[in-house]
Protein backbone atom coordinates (compact mmCIF):
# COMPACT_ATOMS: atom_id res chain seq x y z
CA UNK A 1 9.17 5.36 -68.90
CA UNK A 2 9.80 8.86 -70.26
CA UNK A 3 6.29 9.02 -71.70
CA UNK A 4 4.71 8.43 -68.32
CA UNK A 5 3.46 11.34 -66.30
CA UNK A 6 4.68 11.95 -62.78
CA UNK A 7 1.31 10.81 -61.41
CA UNK A 8 1.57 7.54 -63.37
CA UNK A 9 5.10 6.91 -62.11
CA UNK A 10 4.07 7.54 -58.50
CA UNK A 11 1.00 5.34 -58.89
CA UNK A 12 3.11 2.53 -60.30
CA UNK A 13 5.54 2.76 -57.39
CA UNK A 14 2.69 2.72 -54.86
CA UNK A 15 1.09 -0.30 -56.58
CA UNK A 16 4.40 -2.14 -56.59
CA UNK A 17 4.91 -1.60 -52.87
CA UNK A 18 1.31 -2.56 -52.06
CA UNK A 19 1.65 -5.83 -53.94
CA UNK A 20 5.01 -6.54 -52.26
CA UNK A 21 3.16 -6.25 -48.95
CA UNK A 22 0.52 -8.68 -50.22
CA UNK A 23 -2.35 -6.23 -49.74
CA UNK A 24 -5.42 -5.76 -51.89
CA UNK A 25 -6.40 -2.29 -52.99
CA UNK A 26 -9.39 -2.44 -50.69
CA UNK A 27 -7.39 -3.47 -47.63
CA UNK A 28 -4.70 -0.89 -48.30
CA UNK A 29 -7.22 1.89 -48.90
CA UNK A 30 -9.07 0.99 -45.70
CA UNK A 31 -5.76 1.14 -43.82
CA UNK A 32 -5.14 4.70 -44.95
CA UNK A 33 -8.79 5.78 -44.57
CA UNK A 34 -9.33 6.35 -48.28
CA UNK A 35 -12.12 5.10 -50.53
CA UNK A 36 -10.93 2.20 -52.67
CA UNK A 37 -12.09 3.77 -55.93
CA UNK A 38 -10.17 6.97 -55.20
CA UNK A 39 -7.09 5.00 -54.21
CA UNK A 40 -7.36 2.96 -57.41
CA UNK A 41 -7.41 6.13 -59.49
CA UNK A 42 -4.19 7.26 -57.79
CA UNK A 43 -2.51 3.95 -58.64
CA UNK A 44 -3.55 4.38 -62.27
CA UNK A 45 -2.22 7.94 -62.38
CA UNK A 46 -5.66 9.42 -62.97
CA UNK A 47 -5.56 11.51 -59.81
CA UNK A 48 -2.88 12.90 -57.60
CA UNK A 49 -2.71 12.20 -53.91
CA UNK A 50 -4.58 14.61 -51.65
CA UNK A 51 -1.27 15.94 -50.28
CA UNK A 52 -0.28 17.20 -53.76
CA UNK A 53 -3.23 19.58 -53.89
CA UNK A 54 -1.80 21.96 -51.31
């Protein structure tokens, strides 16, 4: 896991929790008012969450 970036580690943790809850990406993203494609990119570590921009 040392080779993973922080964003990838966070995305993996978010994905793990979402799947524990039995939610699809679409349902989870809708629940947090985020577009599914953007949410998916966060899970994959391609983007950071909006709160990390500030």
